[in-house]
């Protein structure tokens, strides 16, 4: 079955506070499904089977893993920005 077969279905997103289509949840940030995809869609269709059909076990584990603490994410972002700034200076 096609990965986009449920894309037009809509549901209320508890994280955003408004209705979103499944495609938004399926693609999420960095082309990875939302971590709440199982919690939100289980009553609408067999989300477990859908995910197993279209994503590897490793991808699913990454999706459901607890998010990093905000401070950790912020520090990683700052370090990456500093690294990128150093690369840009080296090019000059």
N, C-alpha and C. Protein backbone atom coordinates (compact mmCIF):
# COMPACT_ATOMS: atom_id res chain seq x y z
N UNK A 1 0.84 -1.19 0.00
CA UNK A 1 0.00 0.00 0.00
C UNK A 1 0.87 1.25 0.00
N UNK A 2 0.35 2.29 -0.54
CA UNK A 2 1.05 3.55 -0.69
C UNK A 2 1.23 4.27 0.66
N UNK A 3 2.37 4.92 0.82
CA UNK A 3 2.64 5.64 2.07
C UNK A 3 1.72 6.85 2.24
N UNK A 4 1.16 7.37 1.15
CA UNK A 4 0.33 8.56 1.24
C UNK A 4 -1.17 8.27 1.29
N UNK A 5 -1.55 7.03 1.50
CA UNK A 5 -2.97 6.66 1.44
C UNK A 5 -3.82 7.30 2.54
N UNK A 6 -3.23 7.73 3.65
CA UNK A 6 -3.99 8.35 4.74
C UNK A 6 -3.74 9.86 4.83
N UNK A 7 -2.97 10.41 3.92
CA UNK A 7 -2.52 11.79 4.03
C UNK A 7 -3.63 12.83 4.14
N UNK A 8 -4.80 12.56 3.57
CA UNK A 8 -5.88 13.55 3.61
C UNK A 8 -6.72 13.48 4.88
N UNK A 9 -6.53 12.47 5.71
CA UNK A 9 -7.27 12.36 6.97
C UNK A 9 -6.77 13.45 7.93
N UNK A 10 -7.69 13.99 8.73
CA UNK A 10 -7.32 15.06 9.65
C UNK A 10 -7.68 14.68 11.08
N UNK A 11 -6.93 15.26 12.00
CA UNK A 11 -7.14 15.03 13.43
C UNK A 11 -6.68 16.26 14.19
N UNK A 12 -7.22 16.44 15.38
CA UNK A 12 -6.81 17.55 16.23
C UNK A 12 -5.44 17.24 16.84
N UNK A 13 -4.50 18.16 16.66
CA UNK A 13 -3.15 17.99 17.21
C UNK A 13 -3.08 18.63 18.59
N UNK A 14 -2.78 17.82 19.59
CA UNK A 14 -2.67 18.33 20.97
C UNK A 14 -1.42 19.16 21.17
N UNK A 15 -0.39 18.95 20.35
CA UNK A 15 0.83 19.74 20.48
C UNK A 15 0.67 21.12 19.88
N UNK A 16 -0.01 21.22 18.74
CA UNK A 16 -0.16 22.49 18.04
C UNK A 16 -1.45 23.23 18.41
N UNK A 17 -2.45 22.46 18.83
CA UNK A 17 -3.71 23.08 19.24
C UNK A 17 -4.68 23.35 18.10
N UNK A 18 -4.52 22.66 16.99
CA UNK A 18 -5.46 22.80 15.88
C UNK A 18 -5.41 21.53 15.03
N UNK A 19 -6.31 21.47 14.04
CA UNK A 19 -6.41 20.29 13.19
C UNK A 19 -5.27 20.24 12.17
N UNK A 20 -4.74 19.03 11.95
CA UNK A 20 -3.67 18.83 10.97
C UNK A 20 -3.97 17.56 10.17
N UNK A 21 -3.49 17.51 8.93
CA UNK A 21 -3.63 16.28 8.14
C UNK A 21 -2.57 15.27 8.54
N UNK A 22 -2.84 14.02 8.26
CA UNK A 22 -1.90 12.96 8.60
C UNK A 22 -0.53 13.18 7.96
N UNK A 23 -0.50 13.73 6.76
CA UNK A 23 0.78 13.96 6.08
C UNK A 23 1.69 14.83 6.94
N UNK A 24 1.13 15.78 7.67
CA UNK A 24 1.94 16.63 8.55
C UNK A 24 2.58 15.79 9.65
N UNK A 25 1.82 14.87 10.22
CA UNK A 25 2.33 14.00 11.28
C UNK A 25 3.33 12.98 10.74
N UNK A 26 3.08 12.50 9.55
CA UNK A 26 3.93 11.49 8.94
C UNK A 26 5.28 12.05 8.54
N UNK A 27 5.32 13.29 8.09
CA UNK A 27 6.58 13.88 7.64
C UNK A 27 7.31 14.61 8.76
N UNK A 28 6.59 15.26 9.63
CA UNK A 28 7.17 15.89 10.80
C UNK A 28 8.45 16.67 10.58
N UNK A 29 9.18 16.87 11.66
CA UNK A 29 10.44 17.60 11.62
C UNK A 29 11.54 16.72 11.04
N UNK A 30 12.37 17.30 10.22
CA UNK A 30 13.51 16.59 9.61
C UNK A 30 13.05 15.31 8.90
N UNK A 31 11.86 15.37 8.30
CA UNK A 31 11.30 14.23 7.56
C UNK A 31 11.13 12.98 8.42
N UNK A 32 10.99 13.17 9.69
CA UNK A 32 10.74 12.06 10.61
C UNK A 32 9.36 12.26 11.23
N UNK A 33 8.56 11.20 11.31
CA UNK A 33 7.21 11.35 11.88
C UNK A 33 7.23 11.92 13.30
N UNK A 34 6.14 12.55 13.65
CA UNK A 34 5.96 13.11 14.99
C UNK A 34 6.05 11.99 16.03
N UNK A 35 6.64 12.30 17.16
CA UNK A 35 6.78 11.30 18.22
C UNK A 35 5.44 10.89 18.82
N UNK A 36 4.38 11.67 18.58
CA UNK A 36 3.06 11.35 19.12
C UNK A 36 2.17 10.63 18.10
N UNK A 37 2.72 10.25 16.98
CA UNK A 37 1.92 9.68 15.89
C UNK A 37 1.11 8.46 16.33
N UNK A 38 1.68 7.61 17.16
CA UNK A 38 0.96 6.42 17.63
C UNK A 38 -0.18 6.81 18.56
N UNK A 39 0.08 7.76 19.47
CA UNK A 39 -0.93 8.20 20.43
C UNK A 39 -2.12 8.87 19.76
N UNK A 40 -1.86 9.62 18.72
CA UNK A 40 -2.92 10.41 18.08
C UNK A 40 -3.76 9.64 17.07
N UNK A 41 -3.16 8.71 16.35
CA UNK A 41 -3.84 8.11 15.21
C UNK A 41 -4.37 6.70 15.45
N UNK A 42 -4.13 6.10 16.61
CA UNK A 42 -4.51 4.69 16.81
C UNK A 42 -6.02 4.43 16.68
N UNK A 43 -6.85 5.45 16.97
CA UNK A 43 -8.30 5.25 16.86
C UNK A 43 -8.82 5.43 15.44
N UNK A 44 -8.02 6.04 14.58
CA UNK A 44 -8.45 6.36 13.22
C UNK A 44 -8.17 5.23 12.25
N UNK A 45 -7.01 4.61 12.35
CA UNK A 45 -6.65 3.46 11.52
C UNK A 45 -5.52 2.72 12.22
N UNK A 46 -5.12 1.58 11.66
CA UNK A 46 -4.09 0.75 12.29
C UNK A 46 -2.72 1.38 12.07
N UNK A 47 -2.38 2.33 12.92
CA UNK A 47 -1.13 3.07 12.80
C UNK A 47 0.08 2.16 13.03
N UNK A 48 -0.06 1.17 13.89
CA UNK A 48 1.04 0.22 14.13
C UNK A 48 1.43 -0.48 12.82
N UNK A 49 0.46 -1.00 12.12
CA UNK A 49 0.74 -1.71 10.88
C UNK A 49 1.28 -0.74 9.83
N UNK A 50 0.68 0.44 9.73
CA UNK A 50 1.15 1.43 8.76
C UNK A 50 2.63 1.74 8.99
N UNK A 51 3.01 1.98 10.22
CA UNK A 51 4.39 2.34 10.54
C UNK A 51 5.33 1.16 10.23
N UNK A 52 4.92 -0.04 10.56
CA UNK A 52 5.75 -1.21 10.29
C UNK A 52 5.93 -1.44 8.79
N UNK A 53 4.93 -1.07 8.00
CA UNK A 53 5.02 -1.23 6.55
C UNK A 53 5.99 -0.23 5.92
N UNK A 54 6.10 0.96 6.51
CA UNK A 54 6.81 2.05 5.85
C UNK A 54 8.08 2.53 6.55
N UNK A 55 8.34 2.05 7.74
CA UNK A 55 9.51 2.49 8.50
C UNK A 55 10.22 1.28 9.10
N UNK A 56 11.54 1.39 9.23
CA UNK A 56 12.31 0.30 9.82
C UNK A 56 12.11 0.30 11.33
N UNK A 57 12.51 -0.80 11.95
CA UNK A 57 12.42 -0.90 13.41
C UNK A 57 13.27 0.18 14.08
N UNK A 58 14.44 0.46 13.51
CA UNK A 58 15.32 1.50 14.07
C UNK A 58 14.68 2.88 13.97
N UNK A 59 14.01 3.15 12.84
CA UNK A 59 13.34 4.43 12.67
C UNK A 59 12.20 4.59 13.68
N UNK A 60 11.45 3.53 13.89
CA UNK A 60 10.34 3.57 14.83
C UNK A 60 10.86 3.79 16.25
N UNK A 61 11.95 3.13 16.60
CA UNK A 61 12.55 3.34 17.93
C UNK A 61 12.98 4.78 18.11
N UNK A 62 13.54 5.38 17.07
CA UNK A 62 13.97 6.78 17.14
C UNK A 62 12.77 7.71 17.28
N UNK A 63 11.68 7.37 16.62
CA UNK A 63 10.47 8.20 16.67
C UNK A 63 9.89 8.21 18.08
N UNK A 64 9.83 7.06 18.72
CA UNK A 64 9.18 6.97 20.04
C UNK A 64 10.14 7.25 21.20
N UNK A 65 11.42 7.43 20.91
CA UNK A 65 12.39 7.74 21.97
C UNK A 65 12.04 9.09 22.61
N UNK A 66 12.24 9.21 23.91
CA UNK A 66 11.95 10.49 24.56
C UNK A 66 12.80 11.60 23.95
N UNK A 67 12.23 12.79 23.83
CA UNK A 67 13.01 13.88 23.25
C UNK A 67 14.16 14.28 24.17
N UNK A 68 15.19 14.85 23.57
CA UNK A 68 16.32 15.34 24.37
C UNK A 68 15.85 16.52 25.21
N UNK A 69 16.48 16.71 26.37
CA UNK A 69 16.15 17.91 27.15
C UNK A 69 16.42 19.16 26.31
N UNK A 70 15.64 20.20 26.50
CA UNK A 70 15.78 21.41 25.70
C UNK A 70 17.17 22.02 25.82
N UNK A 71 17.77 21.95 26.98
CA UNK A 71 19.10 22.53 27.16
C UNK A 71 20.13 21.78 26.32
N UNK A 72 20.01 20.46 26.26
CA UNK A 72 20.92 19.66 25.45
C UNK A 72 20.76 20.02 23.97
N UNK A 73 19.53 20.11 23.51
CA UNK A 73 19.27 20.47 22.12
C UNK A 73 19.82 21.85 21.80
N UNK A 74 19.63 22.78 22.71
CA UNK A 74 20.13 24.14 22.52
C UNK A 74 21.65 24.17 22.44
N UNK A 75 22.31 23.43 23.31
CA UNK A 75 23.78 23.38 23.30
C UNK A 75 24.28 22.76 21.99
N UNK A 76 23.64 21.69 21.53
CA UNK A 76 24.02 21.07 20.26
C UNK A 76 23.84 22.04 19.09
N UNK A 77 22.75 22.80 19.12
CA UNK A 77 22.49 23.78 18.08
C UNK A 77 23.58 24.86 18.08
N UNK A 78 23.94 25.35 19.25
CA UNK A 78 24.98 26.38 19.36
C UNK A 78 26.32 25.84 18.87
N UNK A 79 26.66 24.61 19.27
CA UNK A 79 27.92 24.02 18.83
C UNK A 79 27.96 23.85 17.31
N UNK A 80 26.84 23.44 16.73
CA UNK A 80 26.78 23.27 15.27
C UNK A 80 26.91 24.63 14.58
N UNK A 81 26.27 25.66 15.13
CA UNK A 81 26.36 27.00 14.54
C UNK A 81 27.79 27.51 14.62
N UNK A 82 28.47 27.27 15.75
CA UNK A 82 29.86 27.71 15.89
C UNK A 82 30.75 26.96 14.90
N UNK A 83 30.51 25.68 14.74
CA UNK A 83 31.28 24.88 13.79
C UNK A 83 31.07 25.40 12.37
N UNK A 84 29.82 25.68 12.01
CA UNK A 84 29.51 26.19 10.68
C UNK A 84 30.13 27.57 10.47
N UNK A 85 30.14 28.40 11.50
CA UNK A 85 30.74 29.72 11.39
C UNK A 85 32.25 29.59 11.14
N UNK A 86 32.89 28.62 11.78
CA UNK A 86 34.31 28.37 11.58
C UNK A 86 34.60 27.90 10.16
N UNK A 87 33.73 27.11 9.60
CA UNK A 87 33.89 26.63 8.24
C UNK A 87 33.77 27.81 7.27
N UNK A 88 32.82 28.70 7.51
CA UNK A 88 32.62 29.85 6.64
C UNK A 88 33.82 30.78 6.69
N UNK A 89 34.39 30.99 7.88
CA UNK A 89 35.57 31.85 8.02
C UNK A 89 36.77 31.25 7.27
N UNK A 90 36.89 29.92 7.33
CA UNK A 90 38.00 29.25 6.67
C UNK A 90 37.92 29.38 5.15
N UNK A 91 36.70 29.49 4.64
CA UNK A 91 36.51 29.63 3.20
C UNK A 91 36.90 31.03 2.71
N UNK A 92 36.89 32.02 3.59
CA UNK A 92 37.19 33.41 3.18
C UNK A 92 38.60 33.62 2.91
